[in-house]
C-alpha atoms as a PDB file:
ATOM      1  CA  UNK A   1     -23.648  51.681  34.652  1.00  0.00           C
ATOM      2  CA  UNK A   2     -22.101  55.014  33.587  1.00  0.00           C
ATOM      3  CA  UNK A   3     -19.822  54.906  30.547  1.00  0.00           C
ATOM      4  CA  UNK A   4     -16.809  56.067  32.561  1.00  0.00           C
ATOM      5  CA  UNK A   5     -17.277  53.285  35.109  1.00  0.00           C
ATOM      6  CA  UNK A   6     -17.157  50.461  32.602  1.00  0.00           C
ATOM      7  CA  UNK A   7     -14.135  48.218  32.808  1.00  0.00           C
ATOM      8  CA  UNK A   8     -12.662  46.765  29.620  1.00  0.00           C
ATOM      9  CA  UNK A   9     -12.235  43.006  29.937  1.00  0.00           C
ATOM     10  CA  UNK A  10      -9.333  41.755  27.793  1.00  0.00           C
ATOM     11  CA  UNK A  11      -9.990  38.831  25.510  1.00  0.00           C
ATOM     12  CA  UNK A  12      -7.646  36.017  26.490  1.00  0.00           C
ATOM     13  CA  UNK A  13      -5.604  34.118  23.930  1.00  0.00           C
ATOM     14  CA  UNK A  14      -7.522  30.865  24.518  1.00  0.00           C
ATOM     15  CA  UNK A  15     -10.851  32.644  24.029  1.00  0.00           C
ATOM     16  CA  UNK A  16      -9.623  34.225  20.798  1.00  0.00           C
ATOM     17  CA  UNK A  17      -8.559  30.806  19.523  1.00  0.00           C
ATOM     18  CA  UNK A  18     -11.933  29.281  20.414  1.00  0.00           C
ATOM     19  CA  UNK A  19     -13.691  32.070  18.503  1.00  0.00           C
ATOM     20  CA  UNK A  20     -11.338  31.624  15.547  1.00  0.00           C
ATOM     21  CA  UNK A  21     -11.800  27.831  15.472  1.00  0.00           C
ATOM     22  CA  UNK A  22     -15.573  28.180  15.689  1.00  0.00           C
ATOM     23  CA  UNK A  23     -15.524  30.602  12.765  1.00  0.00           C
ATOM     24  CA  UNK A  24     -13.212  28.337  10.752  1.00  0.00           C
ATOM     25  CA  UNK A  25     -15.388  25.303  11.442  1.00  0.00           C
ATOM     26  CA  UNK A  26     -18.499  27.114  10.248  1.00  0.00           C
ATOM     27  CA  UNK A  27     -16.660  28.303   7.154  1.00  0.00           C
ATOM     28  CA  UNK A  28     -15.467  24.763   6.445  1.00  0.00           C
ATOM     29  CA  UNK A  29     -19.011  23.408   6.930  1.00  0.00           C
ATOM     30  CA  UNK A  30     -20.316  26.000   4.455  1.00  0.00           C
ATOM     31  CA  UNK A  31     -17.607  25.110   1.930  1.00  0.00           C
ATOM     32  CA  UNK A  32     -18.514  21.414   2.103  1.00  0.00           C
ATOM     33  CA  UNK A  33     -22.266  22.020   1.875  1.00  0.00           C
ATOM     34  CA  UNK A  34     -21.774  24.212  -1.203  1.00  0.00           C
ATOM     35  CA  UNK A  35     -19.894  21.332  -2.849  1.00  0.00           C
ATOM     36  CA  UNK A  36     -22.675  18.854  -2.131  1.00  0.00           C
ATOM     37  CA  UNK A  37     -20.583  16.628   0.128  1.00  0.00           C
ATOM     38  CA  UNK A  38     -22.336  13.852   2.056  1.00  0.00           C
ATOM     39  CA  UNK A  39     -23.115  14.362   5.753  1.00  0.00           C
ATOM     40  CA  UNK A  40     -20.835  11.537   6.905  1.00  0.00           C
ATOM     41  CA  UNK A  41     -17.949  12.895   4.822  1.00  0.00           C
ATOM     42  CA  UNK A  42     -18.445  16.363   6.288  1.00  0.00           C
ATOM     43  CA  UNK A  43     -18.419  14.938   9.811  1.00  0.00           C
ATOM     44  CA  UNK A  44     -15.223  12.955   9.124  1.00  0.00           C
ATOM     45  CA  UNK A  45     -13.438  16.003   7.677  1.00  0.00           C
ATOM     46  CA  UNK A  46     -14.378  18.190  10.635  1.00  0.00           C
ATOM     47  CA  UNK A  47     -13.155  15.507  13.059  1.00  0.00           C
ATOM     48  CA  UNK A  48      -9.847  15.371  11.171  1.00  0.00           C
ATOM     49  CA  UNK A  49      -9.235  19.076  11.706  1.00  0.00           C
ATOM     50  CA  UNK A  50     -10.396  18.887  15.345  1.00  0.00           C
ATOM     51  CA  UNK A  51      -7.926  16.059  15.967  1.00  0.00           C
ATOM     52  CA  UNK A  52      -5.078  18.117  14.532  1.00  0.00           C
ATOM     53  CA  UNK A  53      -5.963  21.148  16.673  1.00  0.00           C
ATOM     54  CA  UNK A  54      -6.302  19.018  19.804  1.00  0.00           C
ATOM     55  CA  UNK A  55      -2.929  17.362  19.188  1.00  0.00           C
ATOM     56  CA  UNK A  56      -1.062  20.697  19.082  1.00  0.00           C
ATOM     57  CA  UNK A  57      -3.516  22.618  21.295  1.00  0.00           C
ATOM     58  CA  UNK A  58      -3.459  25.450  18.773  1.00  0.00           C
ATOM     59  CA  UNK A  59      -5.743  26.785  16.097  1.00  0.00           C
ATOM     60  CA  UNK A  60      -5.107  24.753  12.905  1.00  0.00           C
ATOM     61  CA  UNK A  61      -4.670  27.885  10.758  1.00  0.00           C
ATOM     62  CA  UNK A  62      -1.547  28.687  12.801  1.00  0.00           C
ATOM     63  CA  UNK A  63       0.189  25.363  12.130  1.00  0.00           C
ATOM     64  CA  UNK A  64       3.028  24.867   9.652  1.00  0.00           C
ATOM     65  CA  UNK A  65       3.345  22.230   6.951  1.00  0.00           C
ATOM     66  CA  UNK A  66       5.950  20.198   8.905  1.00  0.00           C
ATOM     67  CA  UNK A  67       3.669  20.215  11.946  1.00  0.00           C
ATOM     68  CA  UNK A  68       0.762  18.806   9.963  1.00  0.00           C
ATOM     69  CA  UNK A  69       2.999  16.203   8.375  1.00  0.00           C
ATOM     70  CA  UNK A  70       4.316  15.327  11.835  1.00  0.00           C
ATOM     71  CA  UNK A  71       0.762  14.777  13.025  1.00  0.00           C
ATOM     72  CA  UNK A  72       0.078  12.369  10.157  1.00  0.00           C
ATOM     73  CA  UNK A  73       3.297  10.512  10.957  1.00  0.00           C
ATOM     74  CA  UNK A  74       2.110  10.281  14.578  1.00  0.00           C
ATOM     75  CA  UNK A  75      -1.185   8.727  13.437  1.00  0.00           C
ATOM     76  CA  UNK A  76       0.617   6.153  11.305  1.00  0.00           C
ATOM     77  CA  UNK A  77       3.563   5.179  13.487  1.00  0.00           C
ATOM     78  CA  UNK A  78       2.597   5.890  17.081  1.00  0.00           C
ATOM     79  CA  UNK A  79      -1.168   5.405  17.078  1.00  0.00           C
ATOM     80  CA  UNK A  80      -0.985   2.672  14.450  1.00  0.00           C
ATOM     81  CA  UNK A  81      -4.056   3.812  12.512  1.00  0.00           C
ATOM     82  CA  UNK A  82      -4.821   2.060   9.241  1.00  0.00           C
ATOM     83  CA  UNK A  83      -3.866   3.547   5.890  1.00  0.00           C
ATOM     84  CA  UNK A  84      -7.533   4.032   5.009  1.00  0.00           C
ATOM     85  CA  UNK A  85      -8.138   6.046   8.203  1.00  0.00           C
ATOM     86  CA  UNK A  86      -5.040   8.159   7.604  1.00  0.00           C
ATOM     87  CA  UNK A  87      -6.110   8.773   4.024  1.00  0.00           C
ATOM     88  CA  UNK A  88      -9.479  10.003   5.285  1.00  0.00           C
ATOM     89  CA  UNK A  89      -7.753  12.368   7.727  1.00  0.00           C
ATOM     90  CA  UNK A  90      -5.440  13.535   4.932  1.00  0.00           C
ATOM     91  CA  UNK A  91      -8.394  14.297   2.661  1.00  0.00           C
ATOM     92  CA  UNK A  92     -10.067  16.290   5.422  1.00  0.00           C
ATOM     93  CA  UNK A  93      -6.932  18.319   6.105  1.00  0.00           C
ATOM     94  CA  UNK A  94      -6.347  18.872   2.401  1.00  0.00           C
ATOM     95  CA  UNK A  95      -9.862  20.256   2.055  1.00  0.00           C
ATOM     96  CA  UNK A  96      -9.426  22.548   5.058  1.00  0.00           C
ATOM     97  CA  UNK A  97      -6.120  24.023   3.954  1.00  0.00           C
ATOM     98  CA  UNK A  98      -6.786  24.141   0.206  1.00  0.00           C
ATOM     99  CA  UNK A  99     -10.422  25.263   0.190  1.00  0.00           C
ATOM    100  CA  UNK A 100     -11.263  26.851   3.546  1.00  0.00           C
ATOM    101  CA  UNK A 101      -7.878  28.569   4.070  1.00  0.00           C
ATOM    102  CA  UNK A 102      -7.234  29.057   0.348  1.00  0.00           C
ATOM    103  CA  UNK A 103      -3.750  27.494   0.313  1.00  0.00           C
ATOM    104  CA  UNK A 104      -2.666  25.863  -2.940  1.00  0.00           C
ATOM    105  CA  UNK A 105      -1.250  22.384  -3.510  1.00  0.00           C
ATOM    106  CA  UNK A 106       2.233  23.748  -4.198  1.00  0.00           C
ATOM    107  CA  UNK A 107       2.237  25.535  -0.869  1.00  0.00           C
ATOM    108  CA  UNK A 108       0.857  22.712   1.196  1.00  0.00           C
ATOM    109  CA  UNK A 109       1.675  19.073   0.528  1.00  0.00           C
ATOM    110  CA  UNK A 110       0.598  16.189   2.765  1.00  0.00           C
ATOM    111  CA  UNK A 111       2.194  12.815   2.008  1.00  0.00           C
ATOM    112  CA  UNK A 112      -0.563  10.269   1.397  1.00  0.00           C
ATOM    113  CA  UNK A 113       0.137   6.785   2.807  1.00  0.00           C
ATOM    114  CA  UNK A 114      -0.487   4.031   0.317  1.00  0.00           C
ATOM    115  CA  UNK A 115      -3.587   2.022   1.045  1.00  0.00           C
ATOM    116  CA  UNK A 116      -3.275  -1.757   0.651  1.00  0.00           C
ATOM    117  CA  UNK A 117      -5.499  -2.988  -2.156  1.00  0.00           C
ATOM    118  CA  UNK A 118      -7.670  -5.756  -0.751  1.00  0.00           C
ATOM    119  CA  UNK A 119     -10.592  -7.369  -2.525  1.00  0.00           C
ATOM    120  CA  UNK A 120     -13.740  -7.688  -0.400  1.00  0.00           C
ATOM    121  CA  UNK A 121     -15.101 -11.092   0.551  1.00  0.00           C
ATOM    122  CA  UNK A 122     -18.229 -11.729  -1.506  1.00  0.00           C
ATOM    123  CA  UNK A 123     -21.295 -13.444  -0.079  1.00  0.00           C
ATOM    124  CA  UNK A 124     -22.530 -16.329  -2.215  1.00  0.00           C
ATOM    125  CA  UNK A 125     -26.148 -16.676  -3.326  1.00  0.00           C
ATOM    126  CA  UNK A 126     -26.589 -19.472  -0.799  1.00  0.00           C
ATOM    127  CA  UNK A 127     -25.305 -17.261   2.020  1.00  0.00           C
ATOM    128  CA  UNK A 128     -27.586 -14.403   0.954  1.00  0.00           C
ATOM    129  CA  UNK A 129     -30.539 -16.794   1.005  1.00  0.00           C
ATOM    130  CA  UNK A 130     -29.612 -18.034   4.499  1.00  0.00           C
ATOM    131  CA  UNK A 131     -29.331 -14.436   5.666  1.00  0.00           C
ATOM    132  CA  UNK A 132     -32.923 -13.738   4.634  1.00  0.00           C
ATOM    133  CA  UNK A 133     -34.253 -17.059   5.923  1.00  0.00           C
ATOM    134  CA  UNK A 134     -33.037 -16.450   9.476  1.00  0.00           C
ATOM    135  CA  UNK A 135     -34.377 -12.866   9.559  1.00  0.00           C
ATOM    136  CA  UNK A 136     -37.961 -13.230  10.751  1.00  0.00           C
ATOM    137  CA  UNK A 137     -38.624  -9.585  11.689  1.00  0.00           C
ATOM    138  CA  UNK A 138     -40.525  -8.143   8.700  1.00  0.00           C
ATOM    139  CA  UNK A 139     -38.895  -4.720   8.933  1.00  0.00           C
ATOM    140  CA  UNK A 140     -35.377  -6.087   9.239  1.00  0.00           C
ATOM    141  CA  UNK A 141     -35.946  -8.590   6.443  1.00  0.00           C
ATOM    142  CA  UNK A 142     -37.311  -5.913   4.099  1.00  0.00           C
ATOM    143  CA  UNK A 143     -34.374  -3.610   4.857  1.00  0.00           C
ATOM    144  CA  UNK A 144     -31.766  -6.289   4.117  1.00  0.00           C
ATOM    145  CA  UNK A 145     -33.594  -7.436   0.985  1.00  0.00           C
ATOM    146  CA  UNK A 146     -33.823  -3.866  -0.306  1.00  0.00           C
ATOM    147  CA  UNK A 147     -30.104  -3.322   0.284  1.00  0.00           C
ATOM    148  CA  UNK A 148     -29.140  -6.444  -1.675  1.00  0.00           C
ATOM    149  CA  UNK A 149     -31.758  -6.449  -4.432  1.00  0.00           C
ATOM    150  CA  UNK A 150     -31.180  -2.787  -5.366  1.00  0.00           C
ATOM    151  CA  UNK A 151     -27.442  -2.557  -4.648  1.00  0.00           C
ATOM    152  CA  UNK A 152     -27.858   0.257  -2.125  1.00  0.00           C
ATOM    153  CA  UNK A 153     -25.366   1.874   0.190  1.00  0.00           C
ATOM    154  CA  UNK A 154     -26.425   1.808   3.847  1.00  0.00           C
ATOM    155  CA  UNK A 155     -26.866   5.598   3.801  1.00  0.00           C
ATOM    156  CA  UNK A 156     -29.209   5.187   0.825  1.00  0.00           C
ATOM    157  CA  UNK A 157     -31.383   2.385   2.161  1.00  0.00           C
ATOM    158  CA  UNK A 158     -32.028   4.093   5.505  1.00  0.00           C
ATOM    159  CA  UNK A 159     -33.134   7.282   3.705  1.00  0.00           C
ATOM    160  CA  UNK A 160     -35.595   5.591   1.348  1.00  0.00           C
ATOM    161  CA  UNK A 161     -39.078   7.080   1.379  1.00  0.00           C
ATOM    162  CA  UNK A 162     -42.322   5.258   0.714  1.00  0.00           C
ATOM    163  CA  UNK A 163     -42.757   7.476  -2.345  1.00  0.00           C
ATOM    164  CA  UNK A 164     -39.419   6.241  -3.765  1.00  0.00           C
ATOM    165  CA  UNK A 165     -40.944   2.814  -4.496  1.00  0.00           C
ATOM    166  CA  UNK A 166     -42.494   2.892  -7.977  1.00  0.00           C
ATOM    167  CA  UNK A 167     -44.390  -0.366  -8.532  1.00  0.00           C
ATOM    168  CA  UNK A 168     -45.641   0.806 -11.946  1.00  0.00           C
ATOM    169  CA  UNK A 169     -42.174   1.242 -13.433  1.00  0.00           C
ATOM    170  CA  UNK A 170     -40.599  -1.347 -11.087  1.00  0.00           C
ATOM    171  CA  UNK A 171     -37.904   1.092 -10.006  1.00  0.00           C
ATOM    172  CA  UNK A 172     -36.535   2.526  -6.770  1.00  0.00           C
ATOM    173  CA  UNK A 173     -35.560   6.182  -6.721  1.00  0.00           C
ATOM    174  CA  UNK A 174     -32.371   6.900  -4.802  1.00  0.00           C
ATOM    175  CA  UNK A 175     -32.429  10.552  -3.794  1.00  0.00           C
ATOM    176  CA  UNK A 176     -29.122  12.366  -3.359  1.00  0.00           C
ATOM    177  CA  UNK A 177     -26.873   9.337  -3.206  1.00  0.00           C
ATOM    178  CA  UNK A 178     -23.087   9.590  -3.024  1.00  0.00           C
ATOM    179  CA  UNK A 179     -21.872  12.663  -4.873  1.00  0.00           C
ATOM    180  CA  UNK A 180     -25.262  14.356  -4.362  1.00  0.00           C
ATOM    181  CA  UNK A 181     -26.712  12.514  -7.371  1.00  0.00           C
ATOM    182  CA  UNK A 182     -30.180  11.035  -7.869  1.00  0.00           C
ATOM    183  CA  UNK A 183     -30.567   7.731  -9.695  1.00  0.00           C
ATOM    184  CA  UNK A 184     -32.980   4.886 -10.327  1.00  0.00           C
ATOM    185  CA  UNK A 185     -32.255   1.260  -9.561  1.00  0.00           C
ATOM    186  CA  UNK A 186     -34.081  -2.069  -9.723  1.00  0.00           C
ATOM    187  CA  UNK A 187     -37.248  -2.948  -7.845  1.00  0.00           C
ATOM    188  CA  UNK A 188     -37.444  -6.726  -7.844  1.00  0.00           C
ATOM    189  CA  UNK A 189     -40.786  -8.504  -7.820  1.00  0.00           C
ATOM    190  CA  UNK A 190     -39.816 -10.483  -4.732  1.00  0.00           C
ATOM    191  CA  UNK A 191     -38.801  -7.318  -2.908  1.00  0.00           C
ATOM    192  CA  UNK A 192     -42.091  -5.644  -3.871  1.00  0.00           C
ATOM    193  CA  UNK A 193     -43.999  -8.574  -2.368  1.00  0.00           C
ATOM    194  CA  UNK A 194     -41.908  -8.347   0.794  1.00  0.00           C
ATOM    195  CA  UNK A 195     -42.381  -4.583   1.042  1.00  0.00           C
ATOM    196  CA  UNK A 196     -46.170  -4.965   0.744  1.00  0.00           C
ATOM    197  CA  UNK A 197     -46.191  -7.478   3.593  1.00  0.00           C
ATOM    198  CA  UNK A 198     -44.041  -5.123   5.642  1.00  0.00           C
ATOM    199  CA  UNK A 199     -46.222  -2.082   4.837  1.00  0.00           C
ATOM    200  CA  UNK A 200     -49.417  -3.869   5.936  1.00  0.00           C
ATOM    201  CA  UNK A 201     -47.806  -4.703   9.295  1.00  0.00           C
ATOM    202  CA  UNK A 202     -45.998  -1.381   9.984  1.00  0.00           C
ATOM    203  CA  UNK A 203     -47.755   1.261   7.846  1.00  0.00           C
ATOM    204  CA  UNK A 204     -44.761   3.599   7.392  1.00  0.00           C
ATOM    205  CA  UNK A 205     -45.825   7.085   6.327  1.00  0.00           C
ATOM    206  CA  UNK A 206     -42.869   9.060   4.966  1.00  0.00           C
ATOM    207  CA  UNK A 207     -39.681   7.113   5.642  1.00  0.00           C
ATOM    208  CA  UNK A 208     -39.749   3.517   4.429  1.00  0.00           C
ATOM    209  CA  UNK A 209     -37.732   2.347   7.448  1.00  0.00           C
ATOM    210  CA  UNK A 210     -38.483   4.860  10.227  1.00  0.00           C
ATOM    211  CA  UNK A 211     -37.576   4.956  13.885  1.00  0.00           C
ATOM    212  CA  UNK A 212     -40.285   4.113  16.404  1.00  0.00           C
ATOM    213  CA  UNK A 213     -41.410   7.735  16.462  1.00  0.00           C
ATOM    214  CA  UNK A 214     -42.214   7.443  12.770  1.00  0.00           C
ATOM    215  CA  UNK A 215     -40.799  10.915  12.135  1.00  0.00           C
ATOM    216  CA  UNK A 216     -37.148  10.091  11.456  1.00  0.00           C
ATOM    217  CA  UNK A 217     -35.369   7.417   9.406  1.00  0.00           C
ATOM    218  CA  UNK A 218     -33.467   4.589  11.040  1.00  0.00           C
ATOM    219  CA  UNK A 219     -29.773   5.417  11.416  1.00  0.00           C
ATOM    220  CA  UNK A 220     -26.987   3.586   9.513  1.00  0.00           C
ATOM    221  CA  UNK A 221     -25.545   2.146  12.739  1.00  0.00           C
ATOM    222  CA  UNK A 222     -28.826   0.391  13.528  1.00  0.00           C
ATOM    223  CA  UNK A 223     -28.957  -1.018   9.993  1.00  0.00           C
ATOM    224  CA  UNK A 224     -25.444  -2.406  10.464  1.00  0.00           C
ATOM    225  CA  UNK A 225     -26.494  -4.062  13.740  1.00  0.00           C
ATOM    226  CA  UNK A 226     -29.480  -5.670  12.006  1.00  0.00           C
ATOM    227  CA  UNK A 227     -27.157  -7.058   9.351  1.00  0.00           C
ATOM    228  CA  UNK A 228     -24.520  -8.348  11.791  1.00  0.00           C
ATOM    229  CA  UNK A 229     -27.183 -10.034  13.917  1.00  0.00           C
ATOM    230  CA  UNK A 230     -28.597 -11.829  10.864  1.00  0.00           C
ATOM    231  CA  UNK A 231     -25.101 -12.708   9.630  1.00  0.00           C
ATOM    232  CA  UNK A 232     -24.171 -14.322  12.953  1.00  0.00           C
ATOM    233  CA  UNK A 233     -27.502 -16.151  13.117  1.00  0.00           C
ATOM    234  CA  UNK A 234     -26.924 -17.510   9.605  1.00  0.00           C
ATOM    235  CA  UNK A 235     -23.465 -18.759  10.571  1.00  0.00           C
ATOM    236  CA  UNK A 236     -21.688 -16.592   7.993  1.00  0.00           C
ATOM    237  CA  UNK A 237     -18.062 -15.954   8.925  1.00  0.00           C
ATOM    238  CA  UNK A 238     -16.922 -13.856   5.976  1.00  0.00           C
ATOM    239  CA  UNK A 239     -15.532 -10.478   7.026  1.00  0.00           C
ATOM    240  CA  UNK A 240     -17.908  -7.968   5.480  1.00  0.00           C
ATOM    241  CA  UNK A 241     -20.392  -5.424   6.760  1.00  0.00           C
ATOM    242  CA  UNK A 242     -23.757  -4.495   5.295  1.00  0.00           C
ATOM    243  CA  UNK A 243     -21.914  -2.935   2.336  1.00  0.00           C
ATOM    244  CA  UNK A 244     -21.129  -6.531   1.395  1.00  0.00           C
ATOM    245  CA  UNK A 245     -24.731  -6.837   0.177  1.00  0.00           C
ATOM    246  CA  UNK A 246     -24.017  -4.108  -2.388  1.00  0.00           C
ATOM    247  CA  UNK A 247     -20.829  -5.889  -3.450  1.00  0.00           C
ATOM    248  CA  UNK A 248     -22.801  -9.133  -3.794  1.00  0.00           C
ATOM    249  CA  UNK A 249     -25.474  -7.367  -5.887  1.00  0.00           C
ATOM    250  CA  UNK A 250     -22.900  -6.159  -8.422  1.00  0.00           C
ATOM    251  CA  UNK A 251     -20.932  -9.421  -8.511  1.00  0.00           C
ATOM    252  CA  UNK A 252     -24.014 -11.626  -8.896  1.00  0.00           C
ATOM    253  CA  UNK A 253     -25.339  -9.428 -11.718  1.00  0.00           C
ATOM    254  CA  UNK A 254     -22.007  -9.683 -13.506  1.00  0.00           C
ATOM    255  CA  UNK A 255     -22.010 -13.467 -13.088  1.00  0.00           C
ATOM    256  CA  UNK A 256     -25.543 -13.521 -14.533  1.00  0.00           C
ATOM    257  CA  UNK A 257     -24.284 -11.845 -17.695  1.00  0.00           C
ATOM    258  CA  UNK A 258     -25.430  -8.244 -17.121  1.00  0.00           C
ATOM    259  CA  UNK A 259     -23.128  -5.795 -18.921  1.00  0.00           C
ATOM    260  CA  UNK A 260     -20.828  -3.635 -16.834  1.00  0.00           C
ATOM    261  CA  UNK A 261     -22.276  -0.321 -18.078  1.00  0.00           C
ATOM    262  CA  UNK A 262     -25.733  -1.263 -16.768  1.00  0.00           C
ATOM    263  CA  UNK A 263     -24.240  -2.272 -13.424  1.00  0.00           C
ATOM    264  CA  UNK A 264     -22.384   1.056 -13.301  1.00  0.00           C
ATOM    265  CA  UNK A 265     -25.653   2.993 -13.713  1.00  0.00           C
ATOM    266  CA  UNK A 266     -27.474   0.877 -11.117  1.00  0.00           C
ATOM    267  CA  UNK A 267     -24.693   1.377  -8.569  1.00  0.00           C
ATOM    268  CA  UNK A 268     -24.368   5.088  -9.312  1.00  0.00           C
ATOM    269  CA  UNK A 269     -20.623   4.909 -10.001  1.00  0.00           C
ATOM    270  CA  UNK A 270     -19.199   8.046 -11.583  1.00  0.00           C
ATOM    271  CA  UNK A 271     -16.344   6.145 -13.244  1.00  0.00           C
ATOM    272  CA  UNK A 272     -16.452   2.823 -15.062  1.00  0.00           C
ATOM    273  CA  UNK A 273     -13.103   1.864 -13.515  1.00  0.00           C
ATOM    274  CA  UNK A 274     -14.829   1.648 -10.107  1.00  0.00           C
ATOM    275  CA  UNK A 275     -17.293  -0.905 -11.474  1.00  0.00           C
ATOM    276  CA  UNK A 276     -14.640  -2.862 -13.374  1.00  0.00           C
ATOM    277  CA  UNK A 277     -13.147  -4.174 -10.135  1.00  0.00           C
ATOM    278  CA  UNK A 278     -16.084  -6.566  -9.878  1.00  0.00           C
ATOM    279  CA  UNK A 279     -14.535  -8.534 -12.752  1.00  0.00           C
ATOM    280  CA  UNK A 280     -11.962  -9.661 -10.180  1.00  0.00           C
ATOM    281  CA  UNK A 281     -14.743 -10.952  -7.944  1.00  0.00           C
ATOM    282  CA  UNK A 282     -17.021 -12.741 -10.419  1.00  0.00           C
ATOM    283  CA  UNK A 283     -16.490 -16.524 -10.248  1.00  0.00           C
ATOM    284  CA  UNK A 284     -18.188 -17.167 -13.582  1.00  0.00           C
ATOM    285  CA  UNK A 285     -15.896 -14.709 -15.322  1.00  0.00           C
ATOM    286  CA  UNK A 286     -12.840 -16.353 -13.745  1.00  0.00           C
ATOM    287  CA  UNK A 287     -14.064 -19.899 -14.480  1.00  0.00           C
ATOM    288  CA  UNK A 288     -14.635 -19.113 -18.157  1.00  0.00           C
ATOM    289  CA  UNK A 289     -11.188 -17.592 -18.619  1.00  0.00           C
ATOM    290  CA  UNK A 290      -8.766 -20.252 -19.872  1.00  0.00           C
ATOM    291  CA  UNK A 291      -5.251 -20.445 -18.511  1.00  0.00           C
ATOM    292  CA  UNK A 292      -2.579 -19.887 -21.201  1.00  0.00           C
ATOM    293  CA  UNK A 293      -1.183 -23.288 -20.206  1.00  0.00           C
ATOM    294  CA  UNK A 294      -4.369 -24.917 -21.492  1.00  0.00           C
ATOM    295  CA  UNK A 295      -3.837 -23.291 -24.889  1.00  0.00           C
ATOM    296  CA  UNK A 296      -0.514 -25.037 -25.459  1.00  0.00           C
ATOM    297  CA  UNK A 297      -0.345 -28.355 -27.317  1.00  0.00           C
ATOM    298  CA  UNK A 298       2.015 -30.286 -25.058  1.00  0.00           C
ATOM    299  CA  UNK A 299       2.428 -34.024 -25.744  1.00  0.00           C
ATOM    300  CA  UNK A 300       1.297 -36.358 -22.970  1.00  0.00           C
ATOM    301  CA  UNK A 301       4.528 -37.871 -21.490  1.00  0.00           C
ATOM    302  CA  UNK A 302       2.699 -41.146 -20.756  1.00  0.00           C
ATOM    303  CA  UNK A 303       2.451 -41.766 -24.522  1.00  0.00           C
ATOM    304  CA  UNK A 304       6.233 -41.800 -25.017  1.00  0.00           C
END
């Protein structure tokens, strides 16, 4: 077509916004990758910004502080989302505006709803044993045992590789756990025996717990389903997901007398204060703590 015959097609406002949002999303993704953020966290943060844009039907970089705060109020009061969900959305929006758009804290302030502090329900040793007894599938049993015996997050257990199991040093290497950190944790003798039985039957090559194609690891959602199925079969009614196995690992170690600094390293906690909460969950620690009433010498009224 001759140059003079070409017709200029104007870019509509909606198209410009789509292009802008696509560019902003890619920039945000790059910012999160550079900071070593976990995949699930990156997905949650992107969804937070998408939700804000969808609510106002405008590009998020064009929204004012009151508008963003109004959206958070909508999530809390009208949609009735939990404080933990709203906090996650808040963190995602904070990252977008502070890092991706370069706005400072003093210029952009999102009120953070307080999250109720609830202690998790801890599975007892007897319940853990029942959980394993009712799980007859070798792969499922090995996965649940690995999660508990090594104190792994679900994202960590599903990404274990065969090469991460070191039977010489009796350790499990956790590659790029939370916070993009590697660490070593325990490899129990009983788990090693179970993993050898599982390996003979399934022969995994790269991923310790692969999908049927053998090329990709099992996804966290499938691991949760395996856990919930075993939990129901074992008749366990406590409200906890597969992460409860990690909580039980830490609590049972503390009850067995393992020092809190060792537990911190095994769990991969960056701060000791995160590990210290297990003192509130350890029955042995509570049972051995005397009440101040028992320290008083009060005469027995029956002897008057």
